[in-house]
Amino acid sequence: METIYFAGGCLWGVQAFIKTLPGVESTEAGRANGRTQSLAGDYDGYAECVKTTFDPSRVSVQQLMGYFFEIIDPYSVNKQGEDVGEKYRTGVCESLH
């Protein structure tokens, strides 16, 4: 299994799409790249994201990226659809074990 993180607007919408893809074993909605480890208090710079665990023998990172680009506008800065703000920025990060 491998892990990749997708940030692309509202985490619930991204998770709903990603979890249906072939080879995806599990998803977990959350936040990444905030300045603190706490959810208490004001916004701390995090991006909403989806931790995605997948089977690389069934789906490649390149294929997952292709699917991801079907649901986001990569040219939209800090906005996806109706979701506006820094926490809705797009990004992808592979897990470094």
PDB file of N, CA and C in Angstrom:
ATOM      1  N   MET A   1       0.831  -1.184   0.000  1.00  0.00           N
ATOM      2  CA  MET A   1       0.000   0.000   0.000  1.00  0.00           C
ATOM      3  C   MET A   1       0.878   1.251   0.000  1.00  0.00           C
ATOM      4  N   GLU A   2       0.378   2.292  -0.639  1.00  0.00           N
ATOM      5  CA  GLU A   2       1.043   3.581  -0.642  1.00  0.00           C
ATOM      6  C   GLU A   2       0.033   4.643  -0.221  1.00  0.00           C
ATOM      7  N   THR A   3       0.552   5.806   0.162  1.00  0.00           N
ATOM      8  CA  THR A   3      -0.311   6.890   0.635  1.00  0.00           C
ATOM      9  C   THR A   3       0.019   8.175  -0.107  1.00  0.00           C
ATOM     10  N   ILE A   4      -1.028   8.913  -0.458  1.00  0.00           N
ATOM     11  CA  ILE A   4      -0.896  10.218  -1.083  1.00  0.00           C
ATOM     12  C   ILE A   4      -1.972  11.122  -0.495  1.00  0.00           C
ATOM     13  N   TYR A   5      -1.687  12.413  -0.438  1.00  0.00           N
ATOM     14  CA  TYR A   5      -2.628  13.388   0.120  1.00  0.00           C
ATOM     15  C   TYR A   5      -3.094  14.326  -0.984  1.00  0.00           C
ATOM     16  N   PHE A   6      -4.412  14.504  -1.097  1.00  0.00           N
ATOM     17  CA  PHE A   6      -5.001  15.389  -2.097  1.00  0.00           C
ATOM     18  C   PHE A   6      -5.716  16.544  -1.410  1.00  0.00           C
ATOM     19  N   ALA A   7      -5.381  17.769  -1.796  1.00  0.00           N
ATOM     20  CA  ALA A   7      -6.086  18.964  -1.337  1.00  0.00           C
ATOM     21  C   ALA A   7      -6.710  19.597  -2.571  1.00  0.00           C
ATOM     22  N   GLY A   8      -8.028  19.788  -2.546  1.00  0.00           N
ATOM     23  CA  GLY A   8      -8.687  20.313  -3.743  1.00  0.00           C
ATOM     24  C   GLY A   8     -10.045  20.911  -3.453  1.00  0.00           C
ATOM     25  N   GLY A   9     -10.115  21.793  -2.490  1.00  0.00           N
ATOM     26  CA  GLY A   9     -11.401  22.379  -2.120  1.00  0.00           C
ATOM     27  C   GLY A   9     -11.948  21.670  -0.896  1.00  0.00           C
ATOM     28  N   CYS A  10     -13.251  21.638  -0.790  1.00  0.00           N
ATOM     29  CA  CYS A  10     -13.904  21.017   0.365  1.00  0.00           C
ATOM     30  C   CYS A  10     -13.485  19.552   0.494  1.00  0.00           C
ATOM     31  N   LEU A  11     -12.961  19.187   1.651  1.00  0.00           N
ATOM     32  CA  LEU A  11     -12.462  17.821   1.861  1.00  0.00           C
ATOM     33  C   LEU A  11     -13.541  16.767   1.689  1.00  0.00           C
ATOM     34  N   TRP A  12     -14.788  17.099   2.013  1.00  0.00           N
ATOM     35  CA  TRP A  12     -15.853  16.090   1.910  1.00  0.00           C
ATOM     36  C   TRP A  12     -16.131  15.733   0.457  1.00  0.00           C
ATOM     37  N   GLY A  13     -16.123  16.715  -0.425  1.00  0.00           N
ATOM     38  CA  GLY A  13     -16.344  16.446  -1.843  1.00  0.00           C
ATOM     39  C   GLY A  13     -15.202  15.661  -2.460  1.00  0.00           C
ATOM     40  N   VAL A  14     -13.976  16.048  -2.114  1.00  0.00           N
ATOM     41  CA  VAL A  14     -12.808  15.340  -2.630  1.00  0.00           C
ATOM     42  C   VAL A  14     -12.819  13.896  -2.136  1.00  0.00           C
ATOM     43  N   GLN A  15     -13.111  13.710  -0.859  1.00  0.00           N
ATOM     44  CA  GLN A  15     -13.143  12.354  -0.298  1.00  0.00           C
ATOM     45  C   GLN A  15     -14.234  11.511  -0.963  1.00  0.00           C
ATOM     46  N   ALA A  16     -15.405  12.088  -1.172  1.00  0.00           N
ATOM     47  CA  ALA A  16     -16.512  11.341  -1.790  1.00  0.00           C
ATOM     48  C   ALA A  16     -16.114  10.825  -3.169  1.00  0.00           C
ATOM     49  N   PHE A  17     -15.360  11.615  -3.914  1.00  0.00           N
ATOM     50  CA  PHE A  17     -14.912  11.199  -5.241  1.00  0.00           C
ATOM     51  C   PHE A  17     -13.773  10.184  -5.160  1.00  0.00           C
ATOM     52  N   ILE A  18     -12.744  10.501  -4.409  1.00  0.00           N
ATOM     53  CA  ILE A  18     -11.533   9.667  -4.351  1.00  0.00           C
ATOM     54  C   ILE A  18     -11.837   8.257  -3.859  1.00  0.00           C
ATOM     55  N   LYS A  19     -12.727   8.119  -2.883  1.00  0.00           N
ATOM     56  CA  LYS A  19     -12.966   6.785  -2.309  1.00  0.00           C
ATOM     57  C   LYS A  19     -13.642   5.829  -3.285  1.00  0.00           C
ATOM     58  N   THR A  20     -14.175   6.336  -4.398  1.00  0.00           N
ATOM     59  CA  THR A  20     -14.831   5.474  -5.383  1.00  0.00           C
ATOM     60  C   THR A  20     -13.877   4.957  -6.452  1.00  0.00           C
ATOM     61  N   LEU A  21     -12.636   5.445  -6.453  1.00  0.00           N
ATOM     62  CA  LEU A  21     -11.704   5.105  -7.526  1.00  0.00           C
ATOM     63  C   LEU A  21     -11.151   3.695  -7.385  1.00  0.00           C
ATOM     64  N   PRO A  22     -10.905   3.027  -8.503  1.00  0.00           N
ATOM     65  CA  PRO A  22     -10.336   1.678  -8.445  1.00  0.00           C
ATOM     66  C   PRO A  22      -8.954   1.710  -7.804  1.00  0.00           C
ATOM     67  N   GLY A  23      -8.698   0.758  -6.931  1.00  0.00           N
ATOM     68  CA  GLY A  23      -7.405   0.648  -6.279  1.00  0.00           C
ATOM     69  C   GLY A  23      -7.271   1.439  -4.996  1.00  0.00           C
ATOM     70  N   VAL A  24      -8.229   2.311  -4.711  1.00  0.00           N
ATOM     71  CA  VAL A  24      -8.190   3.080  -3.462  1.00  0.00           C
ATOM     72  C   VAL A  24      -8.723   2.191  -2.346  1.00  0.00           C
ATOM     73  N   GLU A  25      -7.895   1.991  -1.326  1.00  0.00           N
ATOM     74  CA  GLU A  25      -8.261   1.110  -0.221  1.00  0.00           C
ATOM     75  C   GLU A  25      -8.952   1.854   0.920  1.00  0.00           C
ATOM     76  N   SER A  26      -8.518   3.103   1.189  1.00  0.00           N
ATOM     77  CA  SER A  26      -9.146   3.872   2.257  1.00  0.00           C
ATOM     78  C   SER A  26      -8.862   5.359   2.068  1.00  0.00           C
ATOM     79  N   THR A  27      -9.733   6.170   2.676  1.00  0.00           N
ATOM     80  CA  THR A  27      -9.547   7.618   2.665  1.00  0.00           C
ATOM     81  C   THR A  27      -9.815   8.158   4.065  1.00  0.00           C
ATOM     82  N   GLU A  28      -9.195   9.289   4.362  1.00  0.00           N
ATOM     83  CA  GLU A  28      -9.420   9.954   5.643  1.00  0.00           C
ATOM     84  C   GLU A  28      -9.375  11.457   5.404  1.00  0.00           C
ATOM     85  N   ALA A  29     -10.483  12.125   5.686  1.00  0.00           N
ATOM     86  CA  ALA A  29     -10.551  13.570   5.521  1.00  0.00           C
ATOM     87  C   ALA A  29      -9.853  14.247   6.687  1.00  0.00           C
ATOM     88  N   GLY A  30      -9.120  15.316   6.390  1.00  0.00           N
ATOM     89  CA  GLY A  30      -8.418  16.016   7.456  1.00  0.00           C
ATOM     90  C   GLY A  30      -7.823  17.324   6.999  1.00  0.00           C
ATOM     91  N   ARG A  31      -6.773  17.739   7.703  1.00  0.00           N
ATOM     92  CA  ARG A  31      -6.114  19.016   7.437  1.00  0.00           C
ATOM     93  C   ARG A  31      -4.613  18.811   7.419  1.00  0.00           C
ATOM     94  N   ALA A  32      -3.934  19.628   6.609  1.00  0.00           N
ATOM     95  CA  ALA A  32      -2.474  19.535   6.519  1.00  0.00           C
ATOM     96  C   ALA A  32      -1.848  20.916   6.453  1.00  0.00           C
ATOM     97  N   ASN A  33      -0.605  20.982   6.886  1.00  0.00           N
ATOM     98  CA  ASN A  33       0.227  22.176   6.756  1.00  0.00           C
ATOM     99  C   ASN A  33      -0.225  23.371   7.588  1.00  0.00           C
ATOM    100  N   GLY A  34      -0.903  23.120   8.683  1.00  0.00           N
ATOM    101  CA  GLY A  34      -1.213  24.199   9.612  1.00  0.00           C
ATOM    102  C   GLY A  34      -0.002  24.518  10.472  1.00  0.00           C
ATOM    103  N   ARG A  35      -0.052  25.635  11.149  1.00  0.00           N
ATOM    104  CA  ARG A  35       1.063  26.034  12.012  1.00  0.00           C
ATOM    105  C   ARG A  35       0.993  25.394  13.396  1.00  0.00           C
ATOM    106  N   THR A  36      -0.152  24.813  13.744  1.00  0.00           N
ATOM    107  CA  THR A  36      -0.299  24.171  15.045  1.00  0.00           C
ATOM    108  C   THR A  36      -0.813  22.749  14.858  1.00  0.00           C
ATOM    109  N   GLN A  37      -0.803  21.983  15.913  1.00  0.00           N
ATOM    110  CA  GLN A  37      -1.344  20.626  15.908  1.00  0.00           C
ATOM    111  C   GLN A  37      -2.763  20.584  16.451  1.00  0.00           C
ATOM    112  N   SER A  38      -3.337  21.748  16.727  1.00  0.00           N
ATOM    113  CA  SER A  38      -4.641  21.824  17.369  1.00  0.00           C
ATOM    114  C   SER A  38      -5.705  22.337  16.408  1.00  0.00           C
ATOM    115  N   LEU A  39      -6.924  21.862  16.592  1.00  0.00           N
ATOM    116  CA  LEU A  39      -8.057  22.378  15.835  1.00  0.00           C
ATOM    117  C   LEU A  39      -8.743  23.522  16.569  1.00  0.00           C
ATOM    118  N   ALA A  40      -8.324  23.772  17.805  1.00  0.00           N
ATOM    119  CA  ALA A  40      -8.903  24.850  18.603  1.00  0.00           C
ATOM    120  C   ALA A  40      -8.323  26.189  18.138  1.00  0.00           C
ATOM    121  N   GLY A  41      -9.124  27.221  18.228  1.00  0.00           N
ATOM    122  CA  GLY A  41      -8.633  28.555  17.902  1.00  0.00           C
ATOM    123  C   GLY A  41      -8.890  28.941  16.464  1.00  0.00           C
ATOM    124  N   ASP A  42      -8.278  30.048  16.079  1.00  0.00           N
ATOM    125  CA  ASP A  42      -8.459  30.604  14.747  1.00  0.00           C
ATOM    126  C   ASP A  42      -7.779  29.750  13.685  1.00  0.00           C
ATOM    127  N   TYR A  43      -8.155  30.006  12.446  1.00  0.00           N
ATOM    128  CA  TYR A  43      -7.537  29.354  11.296  1.00  0.00           C
ATOM    129  C   TYR A  43      -6.019  29.538  11.362  1.00  0.00           C
ATOM    130  N   ASP A  44      -5.267  28.452  11.155  1.00  0.00           N
ATOM    131  CA  ASP A  44      -3.808  28.510  11.322  1.00  0.00           C
ATOM    132  C   ASP A  44      -3.026  28.207  10.040  1.00  0.00           C
ATOM    133  N   GLY A  45      -3.675  28.341   8.887  1.00  0.00           N
ATOM    134  CA  GLY A  45      -2.978  28.144   7.625  1.00  0.00           C
ATOM    135  C   GLY A  45      -3.116  26.769   7.000  1.00  0.00           C
ATOM    136  N   TYR A  46      -3.890  25.876   7.594  1.00  0.00           N
ATOM    137  CA  TYR A  46      -4.027  24.523   7.067  1.00  0.00           C
ATOM    138  C   TYR A  46      -4.748  24.516   5.710  1.00  0.00           C
ATOM    139  N   ALA A  47      -4.594  23.405   5.005  1.00  0.00           N
ATOM    140  CA  ALA A  47      -5.363  23.114   3.796  1.00  0.00           C
ATOM    141  C   ALA A  47      -6.203  21.879   4.074  1.00  0.00           C
ATOM    142  N   GLU A  48      -7.446  21.918   3.645  1.00  0.00           N
ATOM    143  CA  GLU A  48      -8.279  20.714   3.762  1.00  0.00           C
ATOM    144  C   GLU A  48      -7.751  19.683   2.779  1.00  0.00           C
ATOM    145  N   CYS A  49      -7.614  18.433   3.230  1.00  0.00           N
ATOM    146  CA  CYS A  49      -7.064  17.402   2.353  1.00  0.00           C
ATOM    147  C   CYS A  49      -7.642  16.028   2.671  1.00  0.00           C
ATOM    148  N   VAL A  50      -7.332  15.087   1.796  1.00  0.00           N
ATOM    149  CA  VAL A  50      -7.790  13.708   1.959  1.00  0.00           C
ATOM    150  C   VAL A  50      -6.587  12.780   1.877  1.00  0.00           C
ATOM    151  N   LYS A  51      -6.326  12.081   2.972  1.00  0.00           N
ATOM    152  CA  LYS A  51      -5.293  11.045   3.003  1.00  0.00           C
ATOM    153  C   LYS A  51      -5.848   9.845   2.249  1.00  0.00           C
ATOM    154  N   THR A  52      -5.116   9.390   1.248  1.00  0.00           N
ATOM    155  CA  THR A  52      -5.598   8.322   0.376  1.00  0.00           C
ATOM    156  C   THR A  52      -4.601   7.174   0.373  1.00  0.00           C
ATOM    157  N   THR A  53      -5.043   6.017   0.810  1.00  0.00           N
ATOM    158  CA  THR A  53      -4.220   4.816   0.785  1.00  0.00           C
ATOM    159  C   THR A  53      -4.677   3.982  -0.408  1.00  0.00           C
ATOM    160  N   PHE A  54      -3.709   3.587  -1.246  1.00  0.00           N
ATOM    161  CA  PHE A  54      -4.072   2.889  -2.477  1.00  0.00           C
ATOM    162  C   PHE A  54      -3.109   1.737  -2.760  1.00  0.00           C
ATOM    163  N   ASP A  55      -3.571   0.828  -3.600  1.00  0.00           N
ATOM    164  CA  ASP A  55      -2.786  -0.334  -4.015  1.00  0.00           C
ATOM    165  C   ASP A  55      -2.115   0.004  -5.349  1.00  0.00           C
ATOM    166  N   PRO A  56      -0.793   0.212  -5.362  1.00  0.00           N
ATOM    167  CA  PRO A  56      -0.114   0.605  -6.598  1.00  0.00           C
ATOM    168  C   PRO A  56      -0.118  -0.473  -7.687  1.00  0.00           C
ATOM    169  N   SER A  57      -0.487  -1.693  -7.341  1.00  0.00           N
ATOM    170  CA  SER A  57      -0.601  -2.721  -8.373  1.00  0.00           C
ATOM    171  C   SER A  57      -1.927  -2.596  -9.123  1.00  0.00           C
ATOM    172  N   ARG A  58      -2.844  -1.785  -8.578  1.00  0.00           N
ATOM    173  CA  ARG A  58      -4.154  -1.583  -9.214  1.00  0.00           C
ATOM    174  C   ARG A  58      -4.331  -0.195  -9.806  1.00  0.00           C
ATOM    175  N   VAL A  59      -3.648   0.802  -9.231  1.00  0.00           N
ATOM    176  CA  VAL A  59      -3.760   2.175  -9.728  1.00  0.00           C
ATOM    177  C   VAL A  59      -2.452   2.903  -9.437  1.00  0.00           C
ATOM    178  N   SER A  60      -1.984   3.660 -10.417  1.00  0.00           N
ATOM    179  CA  SER A  60      -0.719   4.387 -10.245  1.00  0.00           C
ATOM    180  C   SER A  60      -0.978   5.803  -9.732  1.00  0.00           C
ATOM    181  N   VAL A  61       0.080   6.440  -9.247  1.00  0.00           N
ATOM    182  CA  VAL A  61      -0.020   7.841  -8.838  1.00  0.00           C
ATOM    183  C   VAL A  61      -0.448   8.682 -10.040  1.00  0.00           C
ATOM    184  N   GLN A  62       0.099   8.384 -11.217  1.00  0.00           N
ATOM    185  CA  GLN A  62      -0.260   9.138 -12.408  1.00  0.00           C
ATOM    186  C   GLN A  62      -1.755   9.013 -12.717  1.00  0.00           C
ATOM    187  N   GLN A  63      -2.306   7.824 -12.567  1.00  0.00           N
ATOM    188  CA  GLN A  63      -3.739   7.631 -12.794  1.00  0.00           C
ATOM    189  C   GLN A  63      -4.557   8.393 -11.752  1.00  0.00           C
ATOM    190  N   LEU A  64      -4.134   8.319 -10.492  1.00  0.00           N
ATOM    191  CA  LEU A  64      -4.843   9.064  -9.445  1.00  0.00           C
ATOM    192  C   LEU A  64      -4.805  10.564  -9.728  1.00  0.00           C
ATOM    193  N   MET A  65      -3.662  11.064 -10.185  1.00  0.00           N
ATOM    194  CA  MET A  65      -3.555  12.481 -10.532  1.00  0.00           C
ATOM    195  C   MET A  65      -4.516  12.828 -11.669  1.00  0.00           C
ATOM    196  N   GLY A  66      -4.629  11.956 -12.640  1.00  0.00           N
ATOM    197  CA  GLY A  66      -5.568  12.183 -13.745  1.00  0.00           C
ATOM    198  C   GLY A  66      -6.993  12.297 -13.248  1.00  0.00           C
ATOM    199  N   TYR A  67      -7.385  11.401 -12.359  1.00  0.00           N
ATOM    200  CA  TYR A  67      -8.731  11.463 -11.768  1.00  0.00           C
ATOM    201  C   TYR A  67      -8.905  12.764 -10.983  1.00  0.00           C
ATOM    202  N   PHE A  68      -7.898  13.127 -10.189  1.00  0.00           N
ATOM    203  CA  PHE A  68      -7.968  14.327  -9.361  1.00  0.00           C
ATOM    204  C   PHE A  68      -8.164  15.576 -10.226  1.00  0.00           C
ATOM    205  N   PHE A  69      -7.464  15.639 -11.353  1.00  0.00           N
ATOM    206  CA  PHE A  69      -7.590  16.799 -12.236  1.00  0.00           C
ATOM    207  C   PHE A  69      -8.950  16.856 -12.934  1.00  0.00           C
ATOM    208  N   GLU A  70      -9.727  15.785 -12.867  1.00  0.00           N
ATOM    209  CA  GLU A  70     -11.101  15.825 -13.384  1.00  0.00           C
ATOM    210  C   GLU A  70     -12.010  16.657 -12.490  1.00  0.00           C
ATOM    211  N   ILE A  71     -11.667  16.790 -11.207  1.00  0.00           N
ATOM    212  CA  ILE A  71     -12.583  17.468 -10.276  1.00  0.00           C
ATOM    213  C   ILE A  71     -12.077  18.812  -9.769  1.00  0.00           C
ATOM    214  N   ILE A  72     -10.847  19.199 -10.123  1.00  0.00           N
ATOM    215  CA  ILE A  72     -10.341  20.497  -9.663  1.00  0.00           C
ATOM    216  C   ILE A  72      -9.989  21.383 -10.851  1.00  0.00           C
ATOM    217  N   ASP A  73      -9.877  22.669 -10.578  1.00  0.00           N
ATOM    218  CA  ASP A  73      -9.339  23.627 -11.542  1.00  0.00           C
ATOM    219  C   ASP A  73      -7.951  24.002 -11.022  1.00  0.00           C
ATOM    220  N   PRO A  74      -6.888  23.472 -11.629  1.00  0.00           N
ATOM    221  CA  PRO A  74      -5.538  23.718 -11.111  1.00  0.00           C
ATOM    222  C   PRO A  74      -5.086  25.174 -11.239  1.00  0.00           C
ATOM    223  N   TYR A  75      -5.808  25.970 -12.006  1.00  0.00           N
ATOM    224  CA  TYR A  75      -5.454  27.385 -12.184  1.00  0.00           C
ATOM    225  C   TYR A  75      -6.172  28.290 -11.198  1.00  0.00           C
ATOM    226  N   SER A  76      -7.061  27.751 -10.415  1.00  0.00           N
ATOM    227  CA  SER A  76      -7.820  28.529  -9.449  1.00  0.00           C
ATOM    228  C   SER A  76      -7.020  28.624  -8.150  1.00  0.00           C
ATOM    229  N   VAL A  77      -6.716  29.827  -7.707  1.00  0.00           N
ATOM    230  CA  VAL A  77      -5.904  30.034  -6.514  1.00  0.00           C
ATOM    231  C   VAL A  77      -6.809  30.212  -5.291  1.00  0.00           C
ATOM    232  N   ASN A  78      -6.615  29.347  -4.290  1.00  0.00           N
ATOM    233  CA  ASN A  78      -7.377  29.418  -3.029  1.00  0.00           C
ATOM    234  C   ASN A  78      -8.880  29.395  -3.251  1.00  0.00           C
ATOM    235  N   LYS A  79      -9.305  28.610  -4.236  1.00  0.00           N
ATOM    236  CA  LYS A  79     -10.740  28.526  -4.542  1.00  0.00           C
ATOM    237  C   LYS A  79     -10.989  27.287  -5.385  1.00  0.00           C
ATOM    238  N   GLN A  80     -12.051  26.570  -5.054  1.00  0.00           N
ATOM    239  CA  GLN A  80     -12.554  25.486  -5.886  1.00  0.00           C
ATOM    240  C   GLN A  80     -14.074  25.571  -5.836  1.00  0.00           C
ATOM    241  N   GLY A  81     -14.693  25.841  -6.963  1.00  0.00           N
ATOM    242  CA  GLY A  81     -16.145  25.977  -6.996  1.00  0.00           C
ATOM    243  C   GLY A  81     -16.595  27.094  -6.071  1.00  0.00           C
ATOM    244  N   GLU A  82     -17.536  26.773  -5.206  1.00  0.00           N
ATOM    245  CA  GLU A  82     -18.080  27.753  -4.265  1.00  0.00           C
ATOM    246  C   GLU A  82     -17.218  27.936  -3.017  1.00  0.00           C
ATOM    247  N   ASP A  83     -16.214  27.090  -2.857  1.00  0.00           N
ATOM    248  CA  ASP A  83     -15.347  27.150  -1.674  1.00  0.00           C
ATOM    249  C   ASP A  83     -14.217  28.141  -1.923  1.00  0.00           C
ATOM    250  N   VAL A  84     -14.176  29.198  -1.106  1.00  0.00           N
ATOM    251  CA  VAL A  84     -13.188  30.255  -1.295  1.00  0.00           C
ATOM    252  C   VAL A  84     -12.400  30.459  -0.005  1.00  0.00           C
ATOM    253  N   GLY A  85     -11.101  30.561  -0.120  1.00  0.00           N
ATOM    254  CA  GLY A  85     -10.235  30.801   1.026  1.00  0.00           C
ATOM    255  C   GLY A  85      -8.993  29.943   0.948  1.00  0.00           C
ATOM    256  N   GLU A  86      -7.982  30.342   1.689  1.00  0.00           N
ATOM    257  CA  GLU A  86      -6.695  29.652   1.661  1.00  0.00           C
ATOM    258  C   GLU A  86      -6.814  28.173   2.011  1.00  0.00           C
ATOM    259  N   LYS A  87      -7.752  27.822   2.894  1.00  0.00           N
ATOM    260  CA  LYS A  87      -7.868  26.412   3.290  1.00  0.00           C
ATOM    261  C   LYS A  87      -8.384  25.523   2.164  1.00  0.00           C
ATOM    262  N   TYR A  88      -8.893  26.141   1.079  1.00  0.00           N
ATOM    263  CA  TYR A  88      -9.396  25.380  -0.066  1.00  0.00           C
ATOM    264  C   TYR A  88      -8.397  25.325  -1.217  1.00  0.00           C
ATOM    265  N   ARG A  89      -7.140  25.675  -0.958  1.00  0.00           N
ATOM    266  CA  ARG A  89      -6.127  25.621  -2.015  1.00  0.00           C
ATOM    267  C   ARG A  89      -5.898  24.186  -2.445  1.00  0.00           C
ATOM    268  N   THR A  90      -5.323  24.025  -3.622  1.00  0.00           N
ATOM    269  CA  THR A  90      -5.067  22.678  -4.148  1.00  0.00           C
ATOM    270  C   THR A  90      -3.618  22.284  -3.889  1.00  0.00           C
ATOM    271  N   GLY A  91      -3.406  20.990  -3.813  1.00  0.00           N
ATOM    272  CA  GLY A  91      -2.059  20.476  -3.630  1.00  0.00           C
ATOM    273  C   GLY A  91      -2.063  18.960  -3.557  1.00  0.00           C
ATOM    274  N   VAL A  92      -0.903  18.380  -3.762  1.00  0.00           N
ATOM    275  CA  VAL A  92      -0.737  16.930  -3.683  1.00  0.00           C
ATOM    276  C   VAL A  92       0.590  16.669  -3.006  1.00  0.00           C
ATOM    277  N   CYS A  93       0.606  15.690  -2.123  1.00  0.00           N
ATOM    278  CA  CYS A  93       1.843  15.314  -1.448  1.00  0.00           C
ATOM    279  C   CYS A  93       1.864  13.799  -1.275  1.00  0.00           C
ATOM    280  N   GLU A  94       2.935  13.172  -1.746  1.00  0.00           N
ATOM    281  CA  GLU A  94       3.106  11.756  -1.486  1.00  0.00           C
ATOM    282  C   GLU A  94       3.665  11.573  -0.100  1.00  0.00           C
ATOM    283  N   SER A  95       3.224  10.533   0.560  1.00  0.00           N
ATOM    284  CA  SER A  95       3.731  10.224   1.894  1.00  0.00           C
ATOM    285  C   SER A  95       5.175   9.768   1.792  1.00  0.00           C
ATOM    286  N   LEU A  96       5.999  10.315   2.654  1.00  0.00           N
ATOM    287  CA  LEU A  96       7.407   9.919   2.693  1.00  0.00           C
ATOM    288  C   LEU A  96       7.624   9.018   3.897  1.00  0.00           C
ATOM    289  N   HIS A  97       7.752   7.736   3.658  1.00  0.00           N
ATOM    290  CA  HIS A  97       7.927   6.772   4.756  1.00  0.00           C
ATOM    291  C   HIS A  97       9.369   6.727   5.144  1.00  0.00           C
TER     292      HIS A  97
END
